[in-house]
Amino acid sequence: MTRMLVTRPEPDAQSSVLKLAALGIDAFAAPVMVRQTLDSSVPPPDGFAAMVLTSANGVRALADRGLVGQYRHLPVFAVGDRTAFEAREHGFTEVASADGAFADLVNLIARARLSGPVFYPAGKHQSGDLGKALAPFGVMVATARLYEMVALDSLPEDALERLADGTIGAVLVYSRRTAEIFAQLAGRLDRSQRSAIAMLAMSEAVAEPLMENHFNRISLADRPDEDGMMTLALAFAREQTGP
């Protein structure tokens, strides 16, 4: 089967590599970002109706700073199943998953009709404004930017060589910012080499920076989550091997 490259940050990259291996797909990780926990202030835990997670990195950052216990009494609204799983792993017992993307999370919170504000441990760079999205529903958001996803300076040399010679047939891209960084780090590939690489993107928004940088073979997941990406990867691999 076609060899694939996973660009998401660790520890999620290795998790995806193992899932691909279970599907019979040879893959390796070359993250384009690394998480750094920030020393930002956090609000007192009292008075919140819930905690909201748009990424597993939110609860990981709380754990890095030894703050998880203060907020563990709060119900959690998570953007997807992987983030919900991470919250449960850190001891949160009342966890609801939107099983989708940012808009699905907003709708889930709106339907809950919360009686107070929500705590949002967020990253420095966010593609969506949770406070603005929830304001029409009367939900106040206390945002604490607790981590930053820092772009790496380069891709591993062996990854660039394999992308250039076609040894890597597909690249999995999970976020718009990852797509932007990957396109920049793959800058030494010429236009024909970029056009030959299959880019497996989680959503249309993720695909946009790739198209702008002349990656023309783009496929989108049916669902904006890990299961959707695994299904897409398996379908692509099967297409390459034929009946």
C-alpha atoms as a PDB file:
ATOM      1  CA  MET A   1       0.000   0.000   0.000  1.00  0.00           C
ATOM      2  CA  THR A   2       0.952   3.648  -0.427  1.00  0.00           C
ATOM      3  CA  ARG A   3       3.094   5.064   2.351  1.00  0.00           C
ATOM      4  CA  MET A   4       1.545   8.006   4.187  1.00  0.00           C
ATOM      5  CA  LEU A   5       2.835  10.950   6.195  1.00  0.00           C
ATOM      6  CA  VAL A   6       1.034  12.238   9.304  1.00  0.00           C
ATOM      7  CA  THR A   7       1.625  15.942  10.013  1.00  0.00           C
ATOM      8  CA  ARG A   8      -0.334  16.492  13.241  1.00  0.00           C
ATOM      9  CA  PRO A   9       1.478  17.233  16.529  1.00  0.00           C
ATOM     10  CA  GLU A  10       2.461  14.589  19.033  1.00  0.00           C
ATOM     11  CA  PRO A  11       1.142  12.630  20.849  1.00  0.00           C
ATOM     12  CA  ASP A  12      -1.732  12.542  18.352  1.00  0.00           C
ATOM     13  CA  ALA A  13       0.552  11.892  15.373  1.00  0.00           C
ATOM     14  CA  GLN A  14       1.802   8.596  16.778  1.00  0.00           C
ATOM     15  CA  SER A  15      -1.745   7.603  17.665  1.00  0.00           C
ATOM     16  CA  SER A  16      -2.755   8.128  14.028  1.00  0.00           C
ATOM     17  CA  VAL A  17       0.263   6.173  12.781  1.00  0.00           C
ATOM     18  CA  LEU A  18      -0.757   3.210  14.941  1.00  0.00           C
ATOM     19  CA  LYS A  19      -4.356   3.372  13.710  1.00  0.00           C
ATOM     20  CA  LEU A  20      -3.143   3.431  10.114  1.00  0.00           C
ATOM     21  CA  ALA A  21      -0.911   0.444  10.813  1.00  0.00           C
ATOM     22  CA  ALA A  22      -3.933  -1.449  12.141  1.00  0.00           C
ATOM     23  CA  LEU A  23      -5.571  -0.789   8.764  1.00  0.00           C
ATOM     24  CA  GLY A  24      -2.536  -2.197   6.975  1.00  0.00           C
ATOM     25  CA  ILE A  25      -1.219   1.217   5.938  1.00  0.00           C
ATOM     26  CA  ASP A  26       2.471   2.040   6.292  1.00  0.00           C
ATOM     27  CA  ALA A  27       2.831   5.534   7.756  1.00  0.00           C
ATOM     28  CA  PHE A  28       5.212   7.671   9.773  1.00  0.00           C
ATOM     29  CA  ALA A  29       4.905  10.923  11.684  1.00  0.00           C
ATOM     30  CA  ALA A  30       6.481  14.234  10.761  1.00  0.00           C
ATOM     31  CA  PRO A  31       4.697  16.839  12.913  1.00  0.00           C
ATOM     32  CA  VAL A  32       4.928  20.439  11.735  1.00  0.00           C
ATOM     33  CA  MET A  33       4.073  21.901  15.162  1.00  0.00           C
ATOM     34  CA  VAL A  34       4.920  21.261  18.782  1.00  0.00           C
ATOM     35  CA  ARG A  35       2.833  22.250  21.803  1.00  0.00           C
ATOM     36  CA  GLN A  36       4.255  24.665  24.373  1.00  0.00           C
ATOM     37  CA  THR A  37       2.366  25.291  27.606  1.00  0.00           C
ATOM     38  CA  LEU A  38       2.035  28.976  28.518  1.00  0.00           C
ATOM     39  CA  ASP A  39       2.208  30.565  31.961  1.00  0.00           C
ATOM     40  CA  SER A  40      -1.037  32.474  31.475  1.00  0.00           C
ATOM     41  CA  SER A  41      -3.422  33.351  34.283  1.00  0.00           C
ATOM     42  CA  VAL A  42      -6.477  31.147  34.802  1.00  0.00           C
ATOM     43  CA  PRO A  43      -9.810  32.091  36.375  1.00  0.00           C
ATOM     44  CA  PRO A  44     -10.907  30.655  39.729  1.00  0.00           C
ATOM     45  CA  PRO A  45     -12.810  27.385  39.238  1.00  0.00           C
ATOM     46  CA  ASP A  46     -15.970  28.505  41.046  1.00  0.00           C
ATOM     47  CA  GLY A  47     -18.981  29.932  39.245  1.00  0.00           C
ATOM     48  CA  PHE A  48     -18.666  28.144  35.922  1.00  0.00           C
ATOM     49  CA  ALA A  49     -21.442  26.036  34.482  1.00  0.00           C
ATOM     50  CA  ALA A  50     -19.093  23.955  32.318  1.00  0.00           C
ATOM     51  CA  MET A  51     -15.705  23.704  30.645  1.00  0.00           C
ATOM     52  CA  VAL A  52     -15.331  23.704  26.863  1.00  0.00           C
ATOM     53  CA  LEU A  53     -12.581  21.954  24.913  1.00  0.00           C
ATOM     54  CA  THR A  54     -11.962  22.561  21.219  1.00  0.00           C
ATOM     55  CA  SER A  55      -8.807  20.439  21.421  1.00  0.00           C
ATOM     56  CA  ALA A  56      -7.343  17.757  23.633  1.00  0.00           C
ATOM     57  CA  ASN A  57      -4.430  20.152  24.123  1.00  0.00           C
ATOM     58  CA  GLY A  58      -6.597  22.315  26.376  1.00  0.00           C
ATOM     59  CA  VAL A  59      -6.869  19.651  29.067  1.00  0.00           C
ATOM     60  CA  ARG A  60      -3.248  18.596  28.454  1.00  0.00           C
ATOM     61  CA  ALA A  61      -2.114  22.156  29.176  1.00  0.00           C
ATOM     62  CA  LEU A  62      -4.124  22.188  32.403  1.00  0.00           C
ATOM     63  CA  ALA A  63      -2.453  18.910  33.362  1.00  0.00           C
ATOM     64  CA  ASP A  64       0.999  20.306  32.547  1.00  0.00           C
ATOM     65  CA  ARG A  65       0.386  23.070  35.060  1.00  0.00           C
ATOM     66  CA  GLY A  66      -1.151  20.793  37.680  1.00  0.00           C
ATOM     67  CA  LEU A  67      -4.521  22.540  37.459  1.00  0.00           C
ATOM     68  CA  VAL A  68      -6.817  19.747  36.304  1.00  0.00           C
ATOM     69  CA  GLY A  69      -8.050  18.940  39.806  1.00  0.00           C
ATOM     70  CA  GLN A  70      -9.441  22.438  40.295  1.00  0.00           C
ATOM     71  CA  TYR A  71     -11.823  22.085  37.356  1.00  0.00           C
ATOM     72  CA  ARG A  72     -12.620  18.375  37.480  1.00  0.00           C
ATOM     73  CA  HIS A  73     -16.051  19.018  39.022  1.00  0.00           C
ATOM     74  CA  LEU A  74     -17.205  20.803  35.860  1.00  0.00           C
ATOM     75  CA  PRO A  75     -19.123  19.097  33.076  1.00  0.00           C
ATOM     76  CA  VAL A  76     -17.163  19.171  29.822  1.00  0.00           C
ATOM     77  CA  PHE A  77     -18.303  19.926  26.289  1.00  0.00           C
ATOM     78  CA  ALA A  78     -15.746  18.556  23.831  1.00  0.00           C
ATOM     79  CA  VAL A  79     -15.552  19.183  20.104  1.00  0.00           C
ATOM     80  CA  GLY A  80     -15.071  15.506  19.246  1.00  0.00           C
ATOM     81  CA  ASP A  81     -14.684  12.005  20.585  1.00  0.00           C
ATOM     82  CA  ARG A  82     -10.871  12.137  20.777  1.00  0.00           C
ATOM     83  CA  THR A  83     -10.988  15.300  22.887  1.00  0.00           C
ATOM     84  CA  ALA A  84     -13.742  13.805  25.038  1.00  0.00           C
ATOM     85  CA  PHE A  85     -11.625  10.682  25.578  1.00  0.00           C
ATOM     86  CA  GLU A  86      -8.693  12.846  26.707  1.00  0.00           C
ATOM     87  CA  ALA A  87     -10.923  14.662  29.199  1.00  0.00           C
ATOM     88  CA  ARG A  88     -12.082  11.366  30.679  1.00  0.00           C
ATOM     89  CA  GLU A  89      -8.491  10.159  30.860  1.00  0.00           C
ATOM     90  CA  HIS A  90      -7.759  13.197  33.061  1.00  0.00           C
ATOM     91  CA  GLY A  91     -10.581  12.358  35.447  1.00  0.00           C
ATOM     92  CA  PHE A  92     -13.556  14.337  34.125  1.00  0.00           C
ATOM     93  CA  THR A  93     -16.672  12.213  34.516  1.00  0.00           C
ATOM     94  CA  GLU A  94     -19.432  14.266  32.872  1.00  0.00           C
ATOM     95  CA  VAL A  95     -18.241  14.671  29.280  1.00  0.00           C
ATOM     96  CA  ALA A  96     -20.352  15.368  26.179  1.00  0.00           C
ATOM     97  CA  SER A  97     -18.911  15.146  22.678  1.00  0.00           C
ATOM     98  CA  ALA A  98     -20.196  17.230  19.758  1.00  0.00           C
ATOM     99  CA  ASP A  99     -18.814  14.499  17.513  1.00  0.00           C
ATOM    100  CA  GLY A 100     -17.916  17.019  14.838  1.00  0.00           C
ATOM    101  CA  ALA A 101     -16.445  20.430  14.199  1.00  0.00           C
ATOM    102  CA  PHE A 102     -16.536  23.855  15.859  1.00  0.00           C
ATOM    103  CA  ALA A 103     -20.076  24.660  14.694  1.00  0.00           C
ATOM    104  CA  ASP A 104     -21.348  21.352  16.089  1.00  0.00           C
ATOM    105  CA  LEU A 105     -19.777  22.184  19.451  1.00  0.00           C
ATOM    106  CA  VAL A 106     -21.457  25.604  19.504  1.00  0.00           C
ATOM    107  CA  ASN A 107     -24.830  23.994  18.760  1.00  0.00           C
ATOM    108  CA  LEU A 108     -24.324  21.390  21.494  1.00  0.00           C
ATOM    109  CA  ILE A 109     -23.603  24.072  24.089  1.00  0.00           C
ATOM    110  CA  ALA A 110     -26.494  26.236  22.912  1.00  0.00           C
ATOM    111  CA  ARG A 111     -28.931  23.336  23.299  1.00  0.00           C
ATOM    112  CA  ALA A 112     -27.703  22.682  26.844  1.00  0.00           C
ATOM    113  CA  ARG A 113     -29.161  26.025  28.040  1.00  0.00           C
ATOM    114  CA  LEU A 114     -26.446  26.552  30.627  1.00  0.00           C
ATOM    115  CA  SER A 115     -27.159  28.719  33.646  1.00  0.00           C
ATOM    116  CA  GLY A 116     -23.727  30.322  33.864  1.00  0.00           C
ATOM    117  CA  PRO A 117     -20.488  31.115  32.024  1.00  0.00           C
ATOM    118  CA  VAL A 118     -18.118  28.500  30.626  1.00  0.00           C
ATOM    119  CA  PHE A 119     -14.376  28.103  31.091  1.00  0.00           C
ATOM    120  CA  TYR A 120     -12.403  27.675  27.894  1.00  0.00           C
ATOM    121  CA  PRO A 121      -8.734  26.558  28.139  1.00  0.00           C
ATOM    122  CA  ALA A 122      -7.610  27.499  24.656  1.00  0.00           C
ATOM    123  CA  GLY A 123      -4.606  27.776  22.421  1.00  0.00           C
ATOM    124  CA  LYS A 124      -2.943  31.022  21.431  1.00  0.00           C
ATOM    125  CA  HIS A 125      -4.037  30.524  17.817  1.00  0.00           C
ATOM    126  CA  GLN A 126      -7.699  29.686  17.277  1.00  0.00           C
ATOM    127  CA  SER A 127      -9.542  29.363  13.977  1.00  0.00           C
ATOM    128  CA  GLY A 128     -12.914  30.141  15.586  1.00  0.00           C
ATOM    129  CA  ASP A 129     -14.048  32.713  18.171  1.00  0.00           C
ATOM    130  CA  LEU A 130     -15.994  30.721  20.764  1.00  0.00           C
ATOM    131  CA  GLY A 131     -17.088  33.784  22.741  1.00  0.00           C
ATOM    132  CA  LYS A 132     -18.494  35.461  19.646  1.00  0.00           C
ATOM    133  CA  ALA A 133     -20.188  32.260  18.503  1.00  0.00           C
ATOM    134  CA  LEU A 134     -21.934  31.685  21.852  1.00  0.00           C
ATOM    135  CA  ALA A 135     -22.886  35.311  22.550  1.00  0.00           C
ATOM    136  CA  PRO A 136     -26.197  35.098  20.633  1.00  0.00           C
ATOM    137  CA  PHE A 137     -27.211  32.264  22.954  1.00  0.00           C
ATOM    138  CA  GLY A 138     -26.449  34.264  26.091  1.00  0.00           C
ATOM    139  CA  VAL A 139     -23.441  32.149  27.055  1.00  0.00           C
ATOM    140  CA  MET A 140     -20.429  34.022  28.395  1.00  0.00           C
ATOM    141  CA  VAL A 141     -16.978  32.527  27.786  1.00  0.00           C
ATOM    142  CA  ALA A 142     -13.935  32.968  30.020  1.00  0.00           C
ATOM    143  CA  THR A 143     -10.989  32.169  27.768  1.00  0.00           C
ATOM    144  CA  ALA A 144      -7.540  31.314  29.123  1.00  0.00           C
ATOM    145  CA  ARG A 145      -4.895  30.849  26.427  1.00  0.00           C
ATOM    146  CA  LEU A 146      -2.847  28.095  28.033  1.00  0.00           C
ATOM    147  CA  TYR A 147      -0.820  26.689  25.155  1.00  0.00           C
ATOM    148  CA  GLU A 148       0.728  27.607  21.854  1.00  0.00           C
ATOM    149  CA  MET A 149       1.282  25.373  18.864  1.00  0.00           C
ATOM    150  CA  VAL A 150       4.698  26.465  17.636  1.00  0.00           C
ATOM    151  CA  ALA A 151       5.626  25.870  14.005  1.00  0.00           C
ATOM    152  CA  LEU A 152       8.785  23.870  13.377  1.00  0.00           C
ATOM    153  CA  ASP A 153      11.502  25.304  11.152  1.00  0.00           C
ATOM    154  CA  SER A 154      11.712  22.373   8.764  1.00  0.00           C
ATOM    155  CA  LEU A 155      10.467  18.955   7.810  1.00  0.00           C
ATOM    156  CA  PRO A 156      12.821  16.006   8.357  1.00  0.00           C
ATOM    157  CA  GLU A 157      15.175  15.642   5.403  1.00  0.00           C
ATOM    158  CA  ASP A 158      14.074  12.069   4.733  1.00  0.00           C
ATOM    159  CA  ALA A 159      10.436  13.194   4.600  1.00  0.00           C
ATOM    160  CA  LEU A 160      11.253  15.875   2.030  1.00  0.00           C
ATOM    161  CA  GLU A 161      13.200  13.372  -0.065  1.00  0.00           C
ATOM    162  CA  ARG A 162      10.350  10.868   0.004  1.00  0.00           C
ATOM    163  CA  LEU A 163       7.824  13.560  -0.897  1.00  0.00           C
ATOM    164  CA  ALA A 164      10.022  14.631  -3.814  1.00  0.00           C
ATOM    165  CA  ASP A 165      10.601  11.133  -5.228  1.00  0.00           C
ATOM    166  CA  GLY A 166       7.030   9.922  -4.728  1.00  0.00           C
ATOM    167  CA  THR A 167       7.810   7.372  -2.017  1.00  0.00           C
ATOM    168  CA  ILE A 168       5.205   9.115   0.120  1.00  0.00           C
ATOM    169  CA  GLY A 169       1.949   8.897  -1.777  1.00  0.00           C
ATOM    170  CA  ALA A 170      -0.341  10.724   0.643  1.00  0.00           C
ATOM    171  CA  VAL A 171      -0.175  13.266   3.465  1.00  0.00           C
ATOM    172  CA  LEU A 172      -2.780  13.510   6.243  1.00  0.00           C
ATOM    173  CA  VAL A 173      -3.589  17.079   7.309  1.00  0.00           C
ATOM    174  CA  TYR A 174      -5.893  17.757  10.252  1.00  0.00           C
ATOM    175  CA  SER A 175      -6.059  21.551  10.648  1.00  0.00           C
ATOM    176  CA  ARG A 176      -5.882  24.697   8.562  1.00  0.00           C
ATOM    177  CA  ARG A 177      -2.806  25.940  10.411  1.00  0.00           C
ATOM    178  CA  THR A 178      -1.080  22.598   9.871  1.00  0.00           C
ATOM    179  CA  ALA A 179      -1.860  22.920   6.164  1.00  0.00           C
ATOM    180  CA  GLU A 180      -0.385  26.431   6.048  1.00  0.00           C
ATOM    181  CA  ILE A 181       2.798  25.358   7.818  1.00  0.00           C
ATOM    182  CA  PHE A 182       3.212  22.183   5.790  1.00  0.00           C
ATOM    183  CA  ALA A 183       2.892  24.130   2.546  1.00  0.00           C
ATOM    184  CA  GLN A 184       5.603  26.509   3.717  1.00  0.00           C
ATOM    185  CA  LEU A 185       7.972  23.753   4.881  1.00  0.00           C
ATOM    186  CA  ALA A 186       7.482  21.851   1.641  1.00  0.00           C
ATOM    187  CA  GLY A 187       8.468  24.953  -0.293  1.00  0.00           C
ATOM    188  CA  ARG A 188      11.434  23.368  -2.015  1.00  0.00           C
ATOM    189  CA  LEU A 189       9.183  20.916  -3.851  1.00  0.00           C
ATOM    190  CA  ASP A 190       8.479  22.112  -7.363  1.00  0.00           C
ATOM    191  CA  ARG A 191       4.980  22.506  -8.732  1.00  0.00           C
ATOM    192  CA  SER A 192       4.892  19.121 -10.454  1.00  0.00           C
ATOM    193  CA  GLN A 193       6.044  17.356  -7.291  1.00  0.00           C
ATOM    194  CA  ARG A 194       3.334  19.095  -5.264  1.00  0.00           C
ATOM    195  CA  SER A 195       0.708  18.158  -7.813  1.00  0.00           C
ATOM    196  CA  ALA A 196       1.688  14.493  -7.537  1.00  0.00           C
ATOM    197  CA  ILE A 197       1.157  14.254  -3.763  1.00  0.00           C
ATOM    198  CA  ALA A 198      -2.294  13.239  -2.539  1.00  0.00           C
ATOM    199  CA  MET A 199      -3.352  15.478   0.344  1.00  0.00           C
ATOM    200  CA  LEU A 200      -5.958  13.961   2.655  1.00  0.00           C
ATOM    201  CA  ALA A 201      -7.619  16.882   4.429  1.00  0.00           C
ATOM    202  CA  MET A 202     -10.099  16.905   7.295  1.00  0.00           C
ATOM    203  CA  SER A 203     -12.305  19.647   5.794  1.00  0.00           C
ATOM    204  CA  GLU A 204     -12.651  22.270   3.074  1.00  0.00           C
ATOM    205  CA  ALA A 205     -11.152  24.891   5.375  1.00  0.00           C
ATOM    206  CA  VAL A 206      -8.093  22.683   5.872  1.00  0.00           C
ATOM    207  CA  ALA A 207      -7.771  22.170   2.128  1.00  0.00           C
ATOM    208  CA  GLU A 208      -7.794  25.852   1.161  1.00  0.00           C
ATOM    209  CA  PRO A 209      -4.129  26.659   1.971  1.00  0.00           C
ATOM    210  CA  LEU A 210      -3.097  23.497   0.150  1.00  0.00           C
ATOM    211  CA  MET A 211      -4.920  24.505  -3.023  1.00  0.00           C
ATOM    212  CA  GLU A 212      -3.417  27.978  -2.805  1.00  0.00           C
ATOM    213  CA  ASN A 213       0.035  26.373  -2.758  1.00  0.00           C
ATOM    214  CA  HIS A 214      -0.549  24.136  -5.795  1.00  0.00           C
ATOM    215  CA  PHE A 215      -1.317  20.860  -4.041  1.00  0.00           C
ATOM    216  CA  ASN A 216      -3.962  19.799  -6.507  1.00  0.00           C
ATOM    217  CA  ARG A 217      -4.719  16.189  -5.495  1.00  0.00           C
ATOM    218  CA  ILE A 218      -6.901  16.862  -2.464  1.00  0.00           C
ATOM    219  CA  SER A 219      -9.477  14.560  -0.901  1.00  0.00           C
ATOM    220  CA  LEU A 220     -11.763  15.509   1.979  1.00  0.00           C
ATOM    221  CA  ALA A 221     -12.936  13.397   4.901  1.00  0.00           C
ATOM    222  CA  ASP A 222     -16.667  12.769   5.113  1.00  0.00           C
ATOM    223  CA  ARG A 223     -16.509  13.640   8.810  1.00  0.00           C
ATOM    224  CA  PRO A 224     -14.178  16.216  10.457  1.00  0.00           C
ATOM    225  CA  ASP A 225     -12.691  13.779  12.952  1.00  0.00           C
ATOM    226  CA  GLU A 226     -10.149  10.978  13.294  1.00  0.00           C
ATOM    227  CA  ASP A 227     -12.579   8.276  12.180  1.00  0.00           C
ATOM    228  CA  GLY A 228     -13.304  10.285   9.063  1.00  0.00           C
ATOM    229  CA  MET A 229      -9.592  10.637   8.323  1.00  0.00           C
ATOM    230  CA  MET A 230      -8.973   6.919   8.816  1.00  0.00           C
ATOM    231  CA  THR A 231     -11.841   6.063   6.479  1.00  0.00           C
ATOM    232  CA  LEU A 232     -10.456   8.465   3.885  1.00  0.00           C
ATOM    233  CA  ALA A 233      -6.939   7.038   4.202  1.00  0.00           C
ATOM    234  CA  LEU A 234      -8.174   3.472   3.813  1.00  0.00           C
ATOM    235  CA  ALA A 235     -10.287   4.330   0.764  1.00  0.00           C
ATOM    236  CA  PHE A 236      -7.321   6.092  -0.834  1.00  0.00           C
ATOM    237  CA  ALA A 237      -4.966   3.182  -0.123  1.00  0.00           C
ATOM    238  CA  ARG A 238      -7.391   0.708  -1.639  1.00  0.00           C
ATOM    239  CA  GLU A 239      -7.719   2.844  -4.762  1.00  0.00           C
ATOM    240  CA  GLN A 240      -3.953   2.677  -5.253  1.00  0.00           C
ATOM    241  CA  THR A 241      -3.802  -1.113  -5.027  1.00  0.00           C
ATOM    242  CA  GLY A 242      -6.801  -1.726  -7.253  1.00  0.00           C
ATOM    243  CA  PRO A 243      -9.267  -4.631  -7.062  1.00  0.00           C
END
